[in-house]
Amino acid sequence: MESNNGMEKTLKKKHFVLVHGACHGAWSWYKVVVLLRAEGHRVTALDMAAAGVHPTQVEELRSFSDYCKPLMEFMATLPPDDTVVLVGHSMGGISISVAMEMFPQKISVAIFVTAFMPAPHLSVPVIIQEDLSLATLLVRPIGLYDDAEMLKETVLSTQNYGSVPRAYIISEEDKFIKEDSQKWMIQNNPTVDVKTICGSDHMVNGLWADFGRMVRDIDEEERIGESDETPIELGHSEGELNWT
């Protein structure tokens, strides 16, 4: 029988990479970072371009690729044998989907937290149009990028994106990406695991402990990928916030 110490040792090997949604920044993950760090995990929370403390100005963004550049640059720096648990919230689901397409071998599992979850057969505009009220709310953030260009930049394949195990965390009281829309995405793009946070809104406010537990459970249940036992690193660099 495996001891609790053995399980803790396995969990400490994980490297979580947290990607925020539109109009937020790495700061939005601070409670999750504290929870995961307390258990010995390595955690990296990134600012996308023109978000949080990232120096790029929003007027400088010309494409969705520009916005996601900090995540892609970070993934490219990972050692060949290192894998991460990639977590995206809200619009961050689109960002991590692009990373899954570009770096499938570096991701042990991708967790979508009340997030957009596109697929090879489900483009971003199709997902948004599933809920007209959601589409109306998203006119401004999505309008930052040309639709045709965004379609090209978010093309996903079954060979790359489809090879990465996906899990979804539903926020039951989300008024932004409604529960029905979340379930529609899951139904049309099945995941290996689905969990629900009851009584939570889009930001899962007040229930971060439940969220942190779910992230840990998903990773442990899948038992996929290996990463090293490098100590937690939250150093400040372009696009990375320092909580130390």
Protein backbone atom coordinates (compact mmCIF):
# COMPACT_ATOMS: atom_id res chain seq x y z
CA MET A 1 0.00 0.00 0.00
CA GLU A 2 1.43 3.36 -1.00
CA SER A 3 2.14 5.66 1.90
CA ASN A 4 0.96 9.26 2.09
CA ASN A 5 4.59 10.30 2.00
CA GLY A 6 5.02 8.47 -1.30
CA MET A 7 2.02 10.24 -2.78
CA GLU A 8 3.27 13.60 -1.55
CA LYS A 9 6.64 12.94 -3.13
CA THR A 10 4.96 12.22 -6.47
CA LEU A 11 2.85 15.36 -6.27
CA LYS A 12 5.87 17.53 -5.44
CA LYS A 13 7.34 16.68 -8.82
CA LYS A 14 4.67 18.63 -10.67
CA HIS A 15 5.14 21.96 -12.39
CA PHE A 16 1.92 23.95 -12.79
CA VAL A 17 1.77 26.73 -15.39
CA LEU A 18 -1.18 29.09 -14.86
CA VAL A 19 -2.60 31.24 -17.67
CA HIS A 20 -5.09 34.03 -16.90
CA GLY A 21 -8.10 35.18 -18.89
CA ALA A 22 -8.90 38.44 -20.68
CA CYS A 23 -8.42 41.70 -18.76
CA HIS A 24 -6.63 39.91 -15.91
CA GLY A 25 -3.04 39.00 -15.16
CA ALA A 26 -0.86 36.56 -13.27
CA TRP A 27 -2.04 38.30 -10.09
CA SER A 28 -5.47 36.64 -10.46
CA TRP A 29 -3.91 33.29 -9.53
CA TYR A 30 -2.30 34.43 -6.27
CA LYS A 31 -4.44 32.27 -3.97
CA VAL A 32 -3.91 29.21 -6.15
CA VAL A 33 -0.17 29.84 -6.19
CA VAL A 34 -0.12 29.94 -2.39
CA LEU A 35 -2.12 26.70 -2.14
CA LEU A 36 0.02 24.80 -4.63
CA ARG A 37 3.29 26.16 -3.23
CA ALA A 38 2.24 25.05 0.26
CA GLU A 39 2.25 21.46 -1.01
CA GLY A 40 5.67 21.80 -2.58
CA HIS A 41 4.65 22.16 -6.21
CA ARG A 42 6.57 24.25 -8.66
CA VAL A 43 4.30 27.02 -9.97
CA THR A 44 4.69 29.52 -12.80
CA ALA A 45 2.00 32.17 -13.34
CA LEU A 46 2.50 34.19 -16.51
CA ASP A 47 1.28 37.56 -17.72
CA MET A 48 0.23 37.55 -21.35
CA ALA A 49 1.36 40.52 -23.43
CA ALA A 50 -0.15 43.85 -22.30
CA ALA A 51 -1.59 42.16 -19.19
CA GLY A 52 -0.62 42.46 -15.54
CA VAL A 53 2.91 43.84 -15.23
CA HIS A 54 3.95 42.87 -18.76
CA PRO A 55 5.58 45.95 -20.35
CA THR A 56 3.87 45.64 -23.74
CA GLN A 57 1.09 48.18 -24.30
CA VAL A 58 -2.26 47.03 -25.66
CA GLU A 59 -1.87 49.36 -28.65
CA GLU A 60 1.20 47.39 -29.67
CA LEU A 61 -0.69 44.11 -30.08
CA ARG A 62 -1.33 43.24 -33.70
CA SER A 63 -2.47 39.64 -33.37
CA PHE A 64 -3.50 36.95 -30.94
CA SER A 65 -0.02 35.48 -31.43
CA ASP A 66 1.42 38.72 -30.03
CA TYR A 67 -0.83 38.37 -26.99
CA CYS A 68 0.18 34.74 -26.37
CA LYS A 69 3.88 35.28 -27.05
CA PRO A 70 4.97 35.16 -23.36
CA LEU A 71 3.43 31.69 -22.97
CA MET A 72 4.98 30.36 -26.19
CA GLU A 73 8.39 31.76 -25.27
CA PHE A 74 8.16 30.17 -21.83
CA MET A 75 7.16 26.77 -23.22
CA ALA A 76 10.07 26.93 -25.66
CA THR A 77 12.53 27.36 -22.76
CA LEU A 78 11.45 24.19 -20.94
CA PRO A 79 14.06 21.40 -20.92
CA PRO A 80 13.34 18.61 -23.44
CA ASP A 81 12.33 16.11 -20.74
CA ASP A 82 10.29 18.55 -18.63
CA THR A 83 6.49 18.45 -18.74
CA VAL A 84 3.98 20.80 -17.14
CA VAL A 85 0.37 20.80 -16.02
CA LEU A 86 -1.05 23.66 -18.10
CA VAL A 87 -4.05 25.49 -16.60
CA GLY A 88 -6.10 28.13 -18.41
CA HIS A 89 -8.97 30.27 -17.12
CA SER A 90 -11.62 31.88 -19.34
CA MET A 91 -9.92 33.25 -22.48
CA GLY A 92 -6.78 31.54 -21.22
CA GLY A 93 -8.32 28.37 -22.61
CA ILE A 94 -7.59 29.66 -26.11
CA SER A 95 -4.02 30.52 -25.14
CA ILE A 96 -3.28 27.08 -23.71
CA SER A 97 -4.91 25.43 -26.74
CA VAL A 98 -2.37 27.15 -29.00
CA ALA A 99 0.40 25.97 -26.66
CA MET A 100 -0.97 22.42 -26.84
CA GLU A 101 -0.75 22.56 -30.63
CA MET A 102 2.82 23.88 -30.59
CA PHE A 103 4.27 21.96 -27.62
CA PRO A 104 2.19 18.79 -27.08
CA GLN A 105 5.17 16.78 -25.83
CA LYS A 106 5.78 19.29 -23.02
CA ILE A 107 2.27 19.14 -21.51
CA SER A 108 1.19 16.22 -19.32
CA VAL A 109 -2.39 17.45 -18.97
CA ALA A 110 -4.26 20.65 -19.86
CA ILE A 111 -6.93 21.88 -17.45
CA PHE A 112 -9.61 24.29 -18.68
CA VAL A 113 -11.14 26.28 -15.82
CA THR A 114 -14.56 27.62 -16.89
CA ALA A 115 -12.71 28.42 -20.10
CA PHE A 116 -13.07 28.47 -23.86
CA MET A 117 -12.09 25.05 -25.14
CA PRO A 118 -11.70 25.02 -28.94
CA ALA A 119 -10.95 21.88 -30.95
CA PRO A 120 -9.82 20.90 -34.45
CA HIS A 121 -13.50 20.92 -35.47
CA LEU A 122 -14.60 23.81 -33.21
CA SER A 123 -13.13 27.21 -34.03
CA VAL A 124 -13.08 30.08 -31.55
CA PRO A 125 -15.90 32.01 -33.34
CA VAL A 126 -18.08 28.87 -33.35
CA ILE A 127 -17.63 28.45 -29.60
CA ILE A 128 -18.44 32.09 -28.93
CA GLN A 129 -21.52 32.08 -31.14
CA GLU A 130 -22.87 29.09 -29.21
CA ASP A 131 -24.08 31.63 -26.64
CA LEU A 132 -25.29 34.90 -28.17
CA SER A 133 -25.20 36.71 -24.83
CA LEU A 134 -21.62 35.55 -24.40
CA ALA A 135 -20.80 36.72 -27.92
CA THR A 136 -22.17 40.17 -27.07
CA LEU A 137 -20.08 40.37 -23.91
CA LEU A 138 -16.95 39.40 -25.83
CA VAL A 139 -17.22 41.94 -28.64
CA ARG A 140 -14.51 44.09 -27.14
CA PRO A 141 -11.76 41.60 -26.15
CA ILE A 142 -12.15 39.39 -29.22
CA GLY A 143 -12.41 42.48 -31.42
CA LEU A 144 -8.79 43.29 -30.60
CA TYR A 145 -7.80 40.76 -33.24
CA ASP A 146 -8.87 40.32 -36.84
CA ASP A 147 -11.23 37.33 -37.01
CA ALA A 148 -9.61 35.85 -40.13
CA GLU A 149 -6.13 36.16 -38.64
CA MET A 150 -7.26 34.70 -35.33
CA LEU A 151 -8.75 31.71 -37.14
CA LYS A 152 -5.37 31.04 -38.77
CA GLU A 153 -3.50 31.51 -35.50
CA THR A 154 -5.71 29.09 -33.58
CA VAL A 155 -5.84 26.17 -36.02
CA LEU A 156 -5.66 22.94 -34.01
CA SER A 157 -4.87 19.39 -35.12
CA THR A 158 -5.75 15.98 -33.74
CA GLN A 159 -2.08 15.00 -34.01
CA ASN A 160 -0.82 17.74 -31.68
CA TYR A 161 -3.63 19.38 -29.71
CA GLY A 162 -5.60 16.16 -29.71
CA SER A 163 -2.73 14.16 -28.22
CA VAL A 164 -2.75 16.14 -24.95
CA PRO A 165 -5.19 14.86 -22.28
CA ARG A 166 -7.70 17.56 -21.35
CA ALA A 167 -9.77 18.09 -18.23
CA TYR A 168 -12.46 20.68 -17.54
CA ILE A 169 -13.55 22.39 -14.33
CA ILE A 170 -17.11 23.74 -14.54
CA SER A 171 -18.10 26.78 -12.51
CA GLU A 172 -21.74 26.19 -11.69
CA GLU A 173 -22.86 29.81 -11.26
CA ASP A 174 -20.76 31.36 -14.04
CA LYS A 175 -22.75 34.18 -15.67
CA PHE A 176 -20.08 34.88 -18.29
CA ILE A 177 -19.43 31.46 -19.81
CA LYS A 178 -22.67 29.87 -18.67
CA GLU A 179 -22.84 26.31 -17.41
CA ASP A 180 -24.80 25.20 -20.49
CA SER A 181 -22.09 26.62 -22.76
CA GLN A 182 -19.37 24.90 -20.74
CA LYS A 183 -21.20 21.58 -21.00
CA TRP A 184 -21.77 22.13 -24.73
CA MET A 185 -18.01 22.49 -25.27
CA ILE A 186 -17.34 19.34 -23.24
CA GLN A 187 -20.00 17.38 -25.13
CA ASN A 188 -18.53 18.43 -28.47
CA ASN A 189 -14.91 18.06 -27.38
CA PRO A 190 -14.86 15.28 -24.73
CA THR A 191 -12.30 15.44 -21.94
CA VAL A 192 -10.70 12.77 -19.76
CA ASP A 193 -12.13 14.34 -16.61
CA VAL A 194 -14.82 16.85 -15.63
CA LYS A 195 -15.29 18.40 -12.21
CA THR A 196 -17.78 20.99 -10.97
CA ILE A 197 -17.32 23.76 -8.41
CA CYS A 198 -20.76 24.28 -6.90
CA GLY A 199 -21.90 27.79 -6.04
CA SER A 200 -19.00 29.51 -7.79
CA ASP A 201 -19.03 32.34 -10.32
CA HIS A 202 -16.68 32.98 -13.24
CA MET A 203 -13.76 33.87 -10.98
CA VAL A 204 -14.40 30.94 -8.59
CA ASN A 205 -14.16 33.57 -5.87
CA GLY A 206 -14.10 32.27 -2.31
CA LEU A 207 -13.68 28.69 -3.46
CA TRP A 208 -10.00 28.63 -4.39
CA ALA A 209 -9.36 25.82 -1.92
CA ASP A 210 -11.88 23.64 -3.77
CA PHE A 211 -10.34 24.64 -7.08
CA GLY A 212 -6.81 23.88 -5.89
CA ARG A 213 -7.93 20.46 -4.68
CA MET A 214 -9.57 19.71 -8.03
CA VAL A 215 -6.44 20.65 -9.96
CA ARG A 216 -4.38 18.34 -7.74
CA ASP A 217 -6.94 15.55 -8.06
CA ILE A 218 -7.06 15.77 -11.85
CA ASP A 219 -3.30 15.58 -12.12
CA GLU A 220 -3.04 12.65 -9.69
CA GLU A 221 -5.91 10.74 -11.30
CA GLU A 222 -4.39 10.99 -14.75
CA ARG A 223 -0.92 9.94 -13.53
CA ILE A 224 0.65 11.10 -16.76
CA GLY A 225 3.90 12.88 -17.47
CA GLU A 226 6.94 13.34 -15.29
CA SER A 227 8.70 16.51 -14.26
CA ASP A 228 11.74 17.19 -12.17
CA GLU A 229 11.87 18.17 -8.51
CA THR A 230 13.28 21.63 -9.17
CA PRO A 231 12.33 23.97 -6.31
CA ILE A 232 9.50 26.43 -6.91
CA GLU A 233 10.65 29.34 -9.05
CA LEU A 234 8.57 32.51 -9.18
CA GLY A 235 11.27 34.93 -10.21
CA HIS A 236 10.23 38.18 -11.89
CA SER A 237 10.92 38.42 -15.59
CA GLU A 238 9.08 39.89 -18.56
CA GLY A 239 5.61 38.43 -18.23
CA GLU A 240 6.19 36.55 -14.96
CA LEU A 241 5.03 37.84 -11.60
CA ASN A 242 7.00 37.48 -8.37
CA TRP A 243 5.06 36.42 -5.28
CA THR A 244 8.10 35.68 -3.13
